[in-house]
C-alpha cells in the first residue's frame, strides 16, 4: 500500500522523501528539517501523512531552543 495517493491538485505521482518543510504554528514560521513527505513529481507540492503531521506539531510545540535561526525577507506587492 502506498502511503500517499496521487497529487490532489494535478493527479500526478507522489514520491516519498526526506525534505524541509515550512510550517506555521501559532502565527510563527518554522523550517522543519528531515521530514518524511510525499512530493508531487510534476509540481513539487508536499503532502504529509497524519502520523508525520502529528510528529511535526509535537516537535515544534515542545521545542526549547531552535537548531538555527535564519532571516526571512519580507516583500510587499504594491
N, C-alpha and C. Protein backbone atom coordinates (compact mmCIF):
# COMPACT_ATOMS: atom_id res chain seq x y z
N UNK A 1 0.84 -1.19 0.00
CA UNK A 1 0.00 0.00 0.00
C UNK A 1 0.88 1.25 0.00
N UNK A 2 0.55 2.19 -0.87
CA UNK A 2 1.29 3.44 -0.95
C UNK A 2 0.88 4.37 0.19
N UNK A 3 1.85 5.08 0.80
CA UNK A 3 1.49 6.00 1.88
C UNK A 3 0.77 7.26 1.37
N UNK A 4 0.89 7.54 0.07
CA UNK A 4 0.29 8.74 -0.50
C UNK A 4 -0.52 8.38 -1.73
N UNK A 5 -1.65 9.04 -1.90
CA UNK A 5 -2.41 8.91 -3.13
C UNK A 5 -1.73 9.77 -4.18
N UNK A 6 -2.30 9.80 -5.38
CA UNK A 6 -1.81 10.71 -6.40
C UNK A 6 -2.07 12.15 -5.95
N UNK A 7 -1.37 13.09 -6.55
CA UNK A 7 -1.49 14.50 -6.19
C UNK A 7 -2.94 14.95 -6.32
N UNK A 8 -3.46 15.57 -5.27
CA UNK A 8 -4.86 16.01 -5.28
C UNK A 8 -5.08 17.20 -6.19
N UNK A 9 -4.01 17.87 -6.62
CA UNK A 9 -4.15 19.05 -7.48
C UNK A 9 -4.03 18.73 -8.96
N UNK A 10 -3.05 17.86 -9.31
CA UNK A 10 -2.85 17.58 -10.74
C UNK A 10 -3.04 16.12 -11.11
N UNK A 11 -3.16 15.24 -10.09
CA UNK A 11 -3.32 13.81 -10.37
C UNK A 11 -2.02 13.09 -10.64
N UNK A 12 -0.89 13.80 -10.55
CA UNK A 12 0.42 13.20 -10.81
C UNK A 12 0.88 12.29 -9.68
N UNK A 13 1.96 11.56 -9.94
CA UNK A 13 2.51 10.64 -8.94
C UNK A 13 3.20 11.40 -7.82
N UNK A 14 3.16 10.83 -6.63
CA UNK A 14 3.77 11.43 -5.44
C UNK A 14 4.84 10.47 -4.93
N UNK A 15 6.06 10.99 -4.80
CA UNK A 15 7.18 10.20 -4.28
C UNK A 15 7.45 10.58 -2.83
N UNK A 16 7.91 9.62 -2.05
CA UNK A 16 8.23 9.87 -0.65
C UNK A 16 9.72 10.16 -0.51
N UNK A 17 10.05 11.21 0.28
CA UNK A 17 11.46 11.53 0.52
C UNK A 17 11.59 12.40 1.77
N UNK A 18 12.80 12.51 2.28
CA UNK A 18 13.09 13.43 3.37
C UNK A 18 13.33 14.81 2.79
N UNK A 19 12.71 15.82 3.39
CA UNK A 19 12.81 17.17 2.84
C UNK A 19 12.62 18.19 3.95
N UNK A 20 12.77 19.46 3.61
CA UNK A 20 12.48 20.56 4.52
C UNK A 20 11.02 20.94 4.35
N UNK A 21 10.43 21.43 5.43
CA UNK A 21 9.02 21.79 5.41
C UNK A 21 8.85 23.15 6.07
N UNK A 22 8.18 24.07 5.40
CA UNK A 22 7.78 25.34 6.01
C UNK A 22 6.51 25.07 6.79
N UNK A 23 6.52 25.39 8.07
CA UNK A 23 5.42 25.03 8.95
C UNK A 23 5.06 26.22 9.83
N UNK A 24 3.80 26.57 9.87
CA UNK A 24 3.34 27.67 10.72
C UNK A 24 2.66 27.10 11.96
N UNK A 25 3.05 27.67 13.11
CA UNK A 25 2.48 27.24 14.38
C UNK A 25 2.26 28.49 15.22
N UNK A 26 1.00 28.75 15.57
CA UNK A 26 0.62 29.94 16.33
C UNK A 26 1.16 31.22 15.69
N UNK A 27 1.05 31.30 14.36
CA UNK A 27 1.45 32.50 13.63
C UNK A 27 2.94 32.65 13.39
N UNK A 28 3.73 31.72 13.85
CA UNK A 28 5.19 31.77 13.70
C UNK A 28 5.60 30.77 12.61
N UNK A 29 6.52 31.20 11.75
CA UNK A 29 7.02 30.34 10.69
C UNK A 29 8.22 29.54 11.19
N UNK A 30 8.19 28.24 10.99
CA UNK A 30 9.30 27.35 11.34
C UNK A 30 9.75 26.61 10.08
N UNK A 31 11.03 26.36 9.97
CA UNK A 31 11.55 25.49 8.93
C UNK A 31 11.92 24.19 9.62
N UNK A 32 11.25 23.13 9.27
CA UNK A 32 11.45 21.83 9.90
C UNK A 32 12.23 20.96 8.93
N UNK A 33 13.35 20.45 9.38
CA UNK A 33 14.21 19.64 8.52
C UNK A 33 14.02 18.16 8.76
N UNK A 34 14.38 17.37 7.76
CA UNK A 34 14.39 15.92 7.86
C UNK A 34 12.98 15.34 8.07
N UNK A 35 12.03 15.87 7.32
CA UNK A 35 10.64 15.44 7.42
C UNK A 35 10.33 14.48 6.27
N UNK A 36 9.70 13.37 6.58
CA UNK A 36 9.29 12.41 5.56
C UNK A 36 8.00 12.92 4.92
N UNK A 37 8.11 13.37 3.68
CA UNK A 37 6.97 13.96 2.98
C UNK A 37 6.74 13.26 1.64
N UNK A 38 5.53 13.40 1.14
CA UNK A 38 5.23 12.99 -0.22
C UNK A 38 5.36 14.23 -1.09
N UNK A 39 6.03 14.11 -2.24
CA UNK A 39 6.26 15.27 -3.11
C UNK A 39 5.75 14.94 -4.50
N UNK A 40 4.88 15.81 -5.02
CA UNK A 40 4.36 15.64 -6.38
C UNK A 40 5.51 15.73 -7.38
N UNK A 41 5.62 14.74 -8.24
CA UNK A 41 6.68 14.73 -9.26
C UNK A 41 6.56 15.90 -10.23
N UNK A 42 5.35 16.32 -10.50
CA UNK A 42 5.14 17.35 -11.52
C UNK A 42 5.31 18.77 -10.97
N UNK A 43 4.77 19.06 -9.80
CA UNK A 43 4.76 20.43 -9.30
C UNK A 43 5.49 20.64 -7.99
N UNK A 44 5.89 19.58 -7.30
CA UNK A 44 6.64 19.72 -6.07
C UNK A 44 5.80 19.99 -4.84
N UNK A 45 4.47 19.91 -4.96
CA UNK A 45 3.59 20.10 -3.80
C UNK A 45 3.91 19.02 -2.78
N UNK A 46 3.94 19.40 -1.48
CA UNK A 46 4.29 18.45 -0.43
C UNK A 46 3.04 18.01 0.34
N UNK A 47 3.03 16.74 0.72
CA UNK A 47 1.92 16.15 1.46
C UNK A 47 2.47 15.40 2.67
N UNK A 48 1.72 15.42 3.76
CA UNK A 48 2.11 14.72 4.98
C UNK A 48 1.09 13.65 5.31
N UNK A 49 1.55 12.56 5.88
CA UNK A 49 0.62 11.60 6.46
C UNK A 49 0.18 12.17 7.80
N UNK A 50 -0.91 11.66 8.35
CA UNK A 50 -1.40 12.14 9.64
C UNK A 50 -0.35 11.90 10.73
N UNK A 51 0.32 10.77 10.67
CA UNK A 51 1.33 10.44 11.67
C UNK A 51 2.48 11.45 11.65
N UNK A 52 2.96 11.78 10.46
CA UNK A 52 4.07 12.73 10.33
C UNK A 52 3.62 14.13 10.74
N UNK A 53 2.40 14.52 10.37
CA UNK A 53 1.88 15.84 10.76
C UNK A 53 1.86 15.97 12.29
N UNK A 54 1.46 14.91 12.98
CA UNK A 54 1.45 14.94 14.45
C UNK A 54 2.86 15.02 15.01
N UNK A 55 3.81 14.33 14.39
CA UNK A 55 5.20 14.38 14.83
C UNK A 55 5.78 15.79 14.66
N UNK A 56 5.47 16.42 13.53
CA UNK A 56 5.97 17.78 13.27
C UNK A 56 5.40 18.74 14.30
N UNK A 57 4.10 18.68 14.53
CA UNK A 57 3.48 19.58 15.51
C UNK A 57 4.05 19.35 16.91
N UNK A 58 4.24 18.10 17.29
CA UNK A 58 4.80 17.79 18.61
C UNK A 58 6.23 18.32 18.72
N UNK A 59 7.01 18.18 17.68
CA UNK A 59 8.40 18.67 17.70
C UNK A 59 8.45 20.19 17.85
N UNK A 60 7.61 20.88 17.08
CA UNK A 60 7.60 22.34 17.13
C UNK A 60 7.04 22.84 18.46
N UNK A 61 5.96 22.26 18.92
CA UNK A 61 5.33 22.74 20.15
C UNK A 61 6.17 22.49 21.40
N UNK A 62 7.04 21.48 21.37
CA UNK A 62 7.86 21.16 22.54
C UNK A 62 9.29 21.70 22.42
N UNK A 63 9.59 22.40 21.34
CA UNK A 63 10.94 22.90 21.10
C UNK A 63 11.33 23.95 22.15
N UNK A 64 12.49 23.80 22.73
CA UNK A 64 13.00 24.77 23.70
C UNK A 64 13.90 25.79 23.00
N UNK A 65 14.87 25.29 22.24
CA UNK A 65 15.81 26.15 21.52
C UNK A 65 15.93 25.62 20.10
N UNK A 66 15.78 26.49 19.09
CA UNK A 66 15.90 26.02 17.71
C UNK A 66 17.33 25.61 17.38
N UNK A 67 17.47 24.74 16.40
CA UNK A 67 18.78 24.31 15.93
C UNK A 67 19.52 25.51 15.31
N UNK A 68 18.76 26.35 14.61
CA UNK A 68 19.32 27.54 13.97
C UNK A 68 18.18 28.52 13.72
N UNK A 69 18.54 29.76 13.46
CA UNK A 69 17.56 30.75 13.00
C UNK A 69 18.11 31.40 11.74
N UNK A 70 17.20 31.78 10.86
CA UNK A 70 17.60 32.42 9.60
C UNK A 70 16.69 33.63 9.37
N UNK A 71 17.26 34.71 8.80
CA UNK A 71 16.39 35.85 8.46
C UNK A 71 15.55 35.49 7.24
N UNK A 72 14.32 35.98 7.23
CA UNK A 72 13.42 35.72 6.10
C UNK A 72 13.03 37.06 5.48
N UNK A 73 13.36 37.29 4.21
CA UNK A 73 12.99 38.55 3.57
C UNK A 73 11.47 38.67 3.46
N UNK A 74 10.96 39.87 3.65
CA UNK A 74 9.54 40.16 3.51
C UNK A 74 9.38 41.11 2.32
N UNK A 75 8.49 40.76 1.41
CA UNK A 75 8.25 41.57 0.22
C UNK A 75 6.79 41.97 0.19
N UNK A 76 6.53 43.20 -0.14
CA UNK A 76 5.16 43.69 -0.26
C UNK A 76 4.86 43.95 -1.73
N UNK A 77 3.74 43.47 -2.21
CA UNK A 77 3.31 43.73 -3.57
C UNK A 77 2.62 45.09 -3.57
N UNK A 78 3.08 45.97 -4.43
CA UNK A 78 2.49 47.31 -4.46
C UNK A 78 1.57 47.51 -5.63
